[in-house]
N, C-alpha and C. Protein backbone atom coordinates (compact mmCIF):
# COMPACT_ATOMS: atom_id res chain seq x y z
N MET A 1 61.59 -46.28 98.27
CA MET A 1 61.82 -47.47 99.22
C MET A 1 63.41 -48.24 99.11
N SER A 2 64.05 -48.83 100.15
CA SER A 2 65.39 -48.69 99.64
C SER A 2 65.29 -50.60 99.34
N THR A 3 66.41 -50.76 98.84
CA THR A 3 67.01 -52.33 98.44
C THR A 3 67.40 -52.91 99.73
N ALA A 4 67.27 -54.28 99.28
CA ALA A 4 67.66 -55.31 100.28
C ALA A 4 69.09 -54.89 100.54
N THR A 5 69.91 -54.86 99.57
CA THR A 5 71.53 -54.48 100.02
C THR A 5 71.49 -53.43 100.81
N GLU A 6 70.49 -52.26 100.39
CA GLU A 6 70.72 -50.88 101.24
C GLU A 6 70.34 -51.20 102.63
N ASN A 7 69.14 -51.92 102.72
CA ASN A 7 68.82 -52.50 104.13
C ASN A 7 70.04 -53.08 104.87
N LYS A 8 70.45 -53.77 103.90
CA LYS A 8 71.84 -54.64 104.95
C LYS A 8 72.91 -53.80 105.39
N MET A 9 73.47 -52.98 104.45
CA MET A 9 74.35 -52.28 104.48
C MET A 9 74.06 -51.01 105.59
N LYS A 10 73.03 -50.47 105.71
CA LYS A 10 72.44 -49.60 106.82
C LYS A 10 72.34 -50.40 108.21
N GLY A 11 71.93 -51.47 108.00
CA GLY A 11 72.01 -52.37 109.32
C GLY A 11 73.47 -52.54 110.16
N LYS A 12 73.88 -53.09 108.96
CA LYS A 12 75.35 -53.37 109.54
C LYS A 12 76.05 -52.19 109.84
N PHE A 13 75.88 -51.26 109.57
CA PHE A 13 76.39 -49.65 109.81
C PHE A 13 75.81 -49.16 111.25
N ASP A 14 74.53 -49.63 111.53
CA ASP A 14 74.03 -49.23 112.79
C ASP A 14 74.53 -49.98 113.71
N GLU A 15 74.53 -51.46 113.36
CA GLU A 15 75.20 -52.39 114.11
C GLU A 15 76.02 -52.09 114.81
N VAL A 16 77.24 -51.57 113.80
CA VAL A 16 78.67 -51.74 114.30
C VAL A 16 78.75 -50.22 115.12
N ALA A 17 78.23 -49.36 114.63
CA ALA A 17 78.28 -47.98 115.34
C ALA A 17 77.34 -47.95 116.88
N GLY A 18 76.43 -48.86 117.01
CA GLY A 18 75.73 -49.25 118.34
C GLY A 18 76.91 -49.63 119.03
N LYS A 19 77.58 -50.86 118.60
CA LYS A 19 78.60 -51.38 119.56
C LYS A 19 79.39 -50.57 120.14
N VAL A 20 80.23 -49.59 118.88
CA VAL A 20 80.97 -48.55 119.71
C VAL A 20 80.33 -47.35 120.68
N LYS A 21 79.07 -47.18 120.53
CA LYS A 21 78.43 -46.22 121.10
C LYS A 21 78.69 -46.89 122.38
N GLN A 22 77.91 -48.59 122.55
CA GLN A 22 77.61 -49.11 123.87
C GLN A 22 79.15 -49.25 124.52
N SER A 23 80.27 -49.48 123.73
CA SER A 23 81.64 -49.83 124.43
C SER A 23 82.20 -48.48 124.91
N VAL A 24 81.66 -47.43 124.31
CA VAL A 24 82.28 -45.83 124.91
C VAL A 24 81.72 -46.23 126.34
N GLY A 25 80.28 -45.99 126.20
CA GLY A 25 79.46 -45.60 127.01
C GLY A 25 79.91 -46.65 128.39
N GLU A 26 79.88 -47.81 128.02
CA GLU A 26 80.44 -48.59 129.16
C GLU A 26 81.71 -48.52 129.73
N ALA A 27 82.68 -48.05 128.78
CA ALA A 27 84.07 -47.65 129.17
C ALA A 27 84.09 -46.19 130.17
N THR A 28 83.22 -45.41 129.65
CA THR A 28 82.97 -43.81 130.36
C THR A 28 81.68 -43.74 131.42
N HIS A 29 81.24 -45.38 131.92
CA HIS A 29 80.31 -45.42 132.65
C HIS A 29 78.88 -44.43 132.58
N ASN A 30 78.56 -44.24 131.16
CA ASN A 30 77.83 -43.37 130.74
C ASN A 30 76.89 -44.61 130.30
N ALA A 31 75.73 -44.74 131.55
CA ALA A 31 74.85 -45.47 130.93
C ALA A 31 73.82 -45.12 129.67
N ASN A 32 73.46 -43.90 129.66
CA ASN A 32 72.69 -43.76 128.58
C ASN A 32 72.94 -43.83 127.21
N LEU A 33 74.60 -43.45 126.98
CA LEU A 33 75.43 -43.67 125.73
C LEU A 33 75.32 -45.38 125.49
N ALA A 34 75.58 -46.20 126.34
CA ALA A 34 75.60 -47.50 126.58
C ALA A 34 74.20 -47.94 126.17
N ASN A 35 72.98 -47.62 126.45
CA ASN A 35 72.28 -47.78 126.23
C ASN A 35 70.95 -47.33 125.10
N LYS A 36 71.89 -46.20 124.26
CA LYS A 36 71.46 -45.72 123.15
C LYS A 36 72.17 -46.77 122.16
N GLY A 37 73.80 -47.10 122.76
CA GLY A 37 74.50 -48.09 121.47
C GLY A 37 73.78 -49.19 121.44
N THR A 38 73.29 -49.88 122.58
CA THR A 38 72.30 -51.18 122.24
C THR A 38 70.93 -51.35 121.71
N ALA A 39 70.43 -50.08 121.44
CA ALA A 39 69.27 -49.73 120.98
C ALA A 39 69.73 -49.75 119.28
N GLN A 40 70.80 -49.19 119.36
CA GLN A 40 70.97 -48.94 117.80
C GLN A 40 71.43 -49.91 117.09
N GLN A 41 71.94 -51.05 118.12
CA GLN A 41 72.65 -52.48 117.50
C GLN A 41 71.19 -53.11 117.43
N VAL A 42 70.17 -53.04 118.06
CA VAL A 42 69.06 -53.75 117.89
C VAL A 42 68.38 -53.31 116.38
N LYS A 43 68.12 -51.81 116.28
CA LYS A 43 68.02 -51.47 115.07
C LYS A 43 68.61 -51.96 113.82
N GLY A 44 70.03 -51.93 113.86
CA GLY A 44 70.55 -52.30 112.86
C GLY A 44 70.45 -53.79 112.54
N GLN A 45 70.48 -54.71 113.50
CA GLN A 45 69.99 -55.90 113.36
C GLN A 45 68.74 -56.23 112.60
N ALA A 46 67.83 -55.40 113.18
CA ALA A 46 66.38 -55.63 112.65
C ALA A 46 66.43 -55.06 111.04
N GLU A 47 67.23 -54.03 110.65
CA GLU A 47 67.30 -53.34 109.11
C GLU A 47 67.99 -54.48 108.47
N GLN A 48 68.87 -54.99 109.09
CA GLN A 48 69.46 -56.20 108.23
C GLN A 48 68.42 -57.83 108.28
N ALA A 49 67.85 -57.60 108.99
CA ALA A 49 66.94 -58.65 109.05
C ALA A 49 65.63 -58.23 107.94
N LEU A 50 65.25 -57.34 107.61
CA LEU A 50 64.52 -56.62 106.71
C LEU A 50 65.05 -57.04 105.16
N GLY A 51 66.41 -56.29 104.96
CA GLY A 51 67.35 -56.58 103.84
C GLY A 51 66.97 -58.02 103.51
N SER A 52 67.19 -59.05 104.33
CA SER A 52 67.23 -60.35 104.51
C SER A 52 65.82 -60.94 103.59
N VAL A 53 64.92 -60.37 104.29
CA VAL A 53 63.54 -60.72 103.73
C VAL A 53 63.31 -59.96 102.42
N LYS A 54 63.71 -59.04 102.17
CA LYS A 54 63.37 -58.32 101.07
C LYS A 54 63.98 -59.21 99.85
N SER A 55 65.48 -59.56 100.32
CA SER A 55 66.10 -60.83 99.26
C SER A 55 65.40 -61.91 98.73
N ALA A 56 64.84 -62.60 100.19
CA ALA A 56 64.10 -63.82 99.73
C ALA A 56 62.84 -63.43 99.19
N VAL A 57 62.23 -62.69 99.24
CA VAL A 57 60.79 -62.07 98.69
C VAL A 57 60.87 -61.93 96.84
N ASN A 58 62.12 -61.18 96.77
CA ASN A 58 62.66 -60.77 95.56
C ASN A 58 63.13 -62.02 94.58
N GLU A 59 63.91 -62.75 95.13
CA GLU A 59 64.31 -64.27 94.61
C GLU A 59 63.25 -65.27 94.55
N THR A 60 62.35 -65.15 95.69
CA THR A 60 61.14 -66.15 95.37
C THR A 60 60.22 -65.25 94.06
N ALA A 61 59.89 -63.92 93.55
CA ALA A 61 59.28 -63.60 92.87
C ALA A 61 59.92 -63.74 91.52
N ALA A 62 61.18 -63.91 91.70
CA ALA A 62 61.61 -63.93 90.19
C ALA A 62 61.84 -65.43 90.00
N ASP A 63 61.75 -66.54 90.73
CA ASP A 63 61.70 -67.92 90.73
C ASP A 63 60.44 -68.14 89.80
N ALA A 64 59.40 -67.65 90.70
CA ALA A 64 58.05 -67.87 90.06
C ALA A 64 57.98 -67.00 88.81
N ARG A 65 58.34 -66.29 88.68
CA ARG A 65 58.31 -65.69 87.22
C ARG A 65 58.79 -66.40 86.14
N MET A 66 59.90 -66.91 86.82
CA MET A 66 60.71 -67.71 85.74
C MET A 66 59.51 -69.28 85.51
N ARG A 67 59.47 -69.56 86.49
CA ARG A 67 58.51 -70.97 86.50
C ARG A 67 57.75 -70.80 85.55
N ALA A 68 56.63 -69.34 85.52
CA ALA A 68 55.36 -69.29 84.93
C ALA A 68 55.76 -69.15 83.40
N ASN A 69 57.03 -68.35 83.25
CA ASN A 69 57.27 -68.39 81.59
C ASN A 69 57.20 -69.45 81.01
N GLU A 70 58.04 -70.59 81.99
CA GLU A 70 58.65 -72.01 81.59
C GLU A 70 57.48 -72.69 81.20
N SER A 71 56.45 -72.59 82.13
CA SER A 71 54.92 -73.30 81.89
C SER A 71 54.47 -72.49 80.81
N ARG A 72 54.31 -71.64 80.35
CA ARG A 72 53.58 -70.79 79.57
C ARG A 72 54.34 -71.30 78.21
N ALA A 73 55.76 -71.08 78.03
CA ALA A 73 56.45 -71.78 76.91
C ALA A 73 55.86 -73.05 76.55
N VAL A 74 56.03 -73.80 77.81
CA VAL A 74 55.55 -75.44 77.62
C VAL A 74 54.16 -75.60 76.92
N HIS A 75 53.11 -74.65 77.72
CA HIS A 75 51.92 -74.78 77.11
C HIS A 75 51.53 -74.41 75.53
N GLU A 76 52.37 -72.94 75.19
CA GLU A 76 52.36 -72.67 74.19
C GLU A 76 52.99 -73.84 72.83
N ASN A 77 53.97 -74.34 73.30
CA ASN A 77 54.56 -75.61 72.50
C ASN A 77 53.71 -76.43 72.38
N GLU A 78 52.85 -77.01 73.60
CA GLU A 78 52.25 -78.23 73.19
C GLU A 78 50.69 -77.62 72.24
N ALA A 79 50.29 -76.41 72.36
CA ALA A 79 49.10 -75.91 72.01
C ALA A 79 49.48 -75.80 70.09
N HIS A 80 50.94 -75.79 69.98
CA HIS A 80 51.29 -75.56 68.67
C HIS A 80 51.28 -77.05 67.88
N ASN A 81 51.85 -77.88 68.97
CA ASN A 81 52.23 -79.22 68.01
C ASN A 81 50.87 -79.99 68.17
N LYS A 82 49.29 -79.30 68.83
CA LYS A 82 48.50 -79.87 68.67
C LYS A 82 47.70 -79.50 67.50
N ALA A 83 47.85 -78.27 67.30
CA ALA A 83 47.43 -77.45 65.87
C ALA A 83 47.93 -78.09 64.81
N HIS A 84 49.47 -78.32 64.41
CA HIS A 84 49.96 -78.92 63.60
C HIS A 84 49.47 -80.44 63.53
N ASP A 85 48.99 -81.23 64.55
CA ASP A 85 48.67 -82.57 64.39
C ASP A 85 47.26 -82.27 63.72
N VAL A 86 46.49 -81.54 64.08
CA VAL A 86 45.14 -81.52 63.39
C VAL A 86 45.08 -80.97 62.19
N ARG A 87 45.93 -80.22 61.73
CA ARG A 87 46.07 -79.89 60.46
C ARG A 87 46.79 -80.93 59.26
N GLU A 88 47.59 -81.46 59.96
CA GLU A 88 48.21 -82.73 59.36
C GLU A 88 46.97 -84.01 59.31
N SER A 89 46.13 -84.11 60.27
CA SER A 89 44.92 -84.98 60.30
C SER A 89 44.37 -84.73 59.20
N ILE A 90 43.86 -83.15 58.78
CA ILE A 90 43.00 -82.80 58.05
C ILE A 90 43.39 -83.15 56.61
N ALA A 91 44.52 -82.28 56.56
CA ALA A 91 45.30 -82.64 55.22
C ALA A 91 45.25 -84.18 54.69
N SER A 92 45.48 -85.18 55.56
CA SER A 92 45.71 -86.51 55.26
C SER A 92 44.32 -86.82 54.94
N THR A 93 43.26 -86.70 55.74
CA THR A 93 41.72 -86.99 55.59
C THR A 93 41.34 -86.42 53.83
N ALA A 94 41.92 -85.22 53.73
CA ALA A 94 41.46 -84.56 52.61
C ALA A 94 42.34 -85.49 51.45
N GLN A 95 43.45 -85.91 51.59
CA GLN A 95 44.13 -86.49 50.60
C GLN A 95 43.45 -87.81 50.09
N ASN A 96 43.11 -88.74 51.30
CA ASN A 96 42.39 -90.08 51.13
C ASN A 96 41.25 -89.78 50.75
N VAL A 97 40.34 -88.79 50.80
CA VAL A 97 38.83 -88.45 50.16
C VAL A 97 39.19 -88.55 48.65
N LYS A 98 40.40 -87.24 48.32
CA LYS A 98 40.54 -87.20 46.69
C LYS A 98 40.86 -88.59 46.15
N ASN A 99 41.67 -89.10 47.08
CA ASN A 99 42.25 -90.50 46.37
C ASN A 99 41.08 -91.23 46.12
N LYS A 100 39.92 -91.84 46.94
CA LYS A 100 38.73 -92.57 46.92
C LYS A 100 37.86 -92.02 45.86
N ILE A 101 37.68 -90.65 45.68
CA ILE A 101 36.81 -89.92 44.58
C ILE A 101 37.81 -90.50 43.13
N GLN A 102 38.87 -90.36 43.30
CA GLN A 102 39.64 -90.64 41.86
C GLN A 102 39.50 -92.08 41.28
N ASP A 103 39.90 -92.78 42.57
CA ASP A 103 39.55 -94.34 42.19
C ASP A 103 38.29 -94.54 41.89
N SER A 104 37.07 -94.05 42.60
CA SER A 104 35.68 -94.53 42.25
C SER A 104 35.31 -93.87 40.62
N VAL A 105 36.09 -92.74 40.18
CA VAL A 105 35.73 -92.09 38.71
C VAL A 105 36.55 -92.88 38.02
N ALA A 106 37.84 -93.59 38.31
CA ALA A 106 38.64 -94.63 37.37
C ALA A 106 37.96 -95.82 37.15
N ASP A 107 37.17 -96.14 38.21
CA ASP A 107 36.20 -97.67 38.57
C ASP A 107 34.94 -97.36 37.14
N TYR A 108 34.42 -96.17 37.36
CA TYR A 108 33.11 -95.92 36.58
C TYR A 108 33.63 -95.82 35.28
N ARG A 109 34.44 -95.21 34.68
CA ARG A 109 35.01 -94.83 33.40
C ARG A 109 35.55 -96.11 32.65
N ALA A 110 36.23 -97.29 33.84
CA ALA A 110 36.60 -98.24 33.31
C ALA A 110 35.42 -99.38 32.83
N LYS A 111 34.35 -99.30 34.11
CA LYS A 111 32.97 -100.08 33.58
C LYS A 111 32.20 -99.39 32.66
N HIS A 112 31.93 -98.26 32.22
CA HIS A 112 31.59 -97.62 31.25
C HIS A 112 31.94 -97.24 29.62
N GLU A 113 33.14 -97.47 29.88
CA GLU A 113 34.10 -97.49 28.24
C GLU A 113 33.79 -98.91 27.40
N LYS A 114 33.43 -99.80 28.34
CA LYS A 114 33.56 -100.91 27.09
C LYS A 114 32.46 -100.80 26.03
């Protein structure tokens, strides 16, 4: 399958060649050659249009891939941050529990060392 650029170049070539054929056909009163030239111009224009469509599709696909990658990165970063926050919360809770236990042990010892 040809690329967008190849389609555009081939189309431009056919368009120019068709104009030449049409001009020569009209100049020599050769209706058949003039008609073939016109048909080749139409073919060239269609080929160029196909190249433009391919370019647009490629650009749209590239843009969609870029946006998907950006979105994935944002979600991965959000998940990483959330996991970090959960770990911090667990560590903080564990520290608080440890401190309360140590305070309770210290209170117990203070009451019973008398």
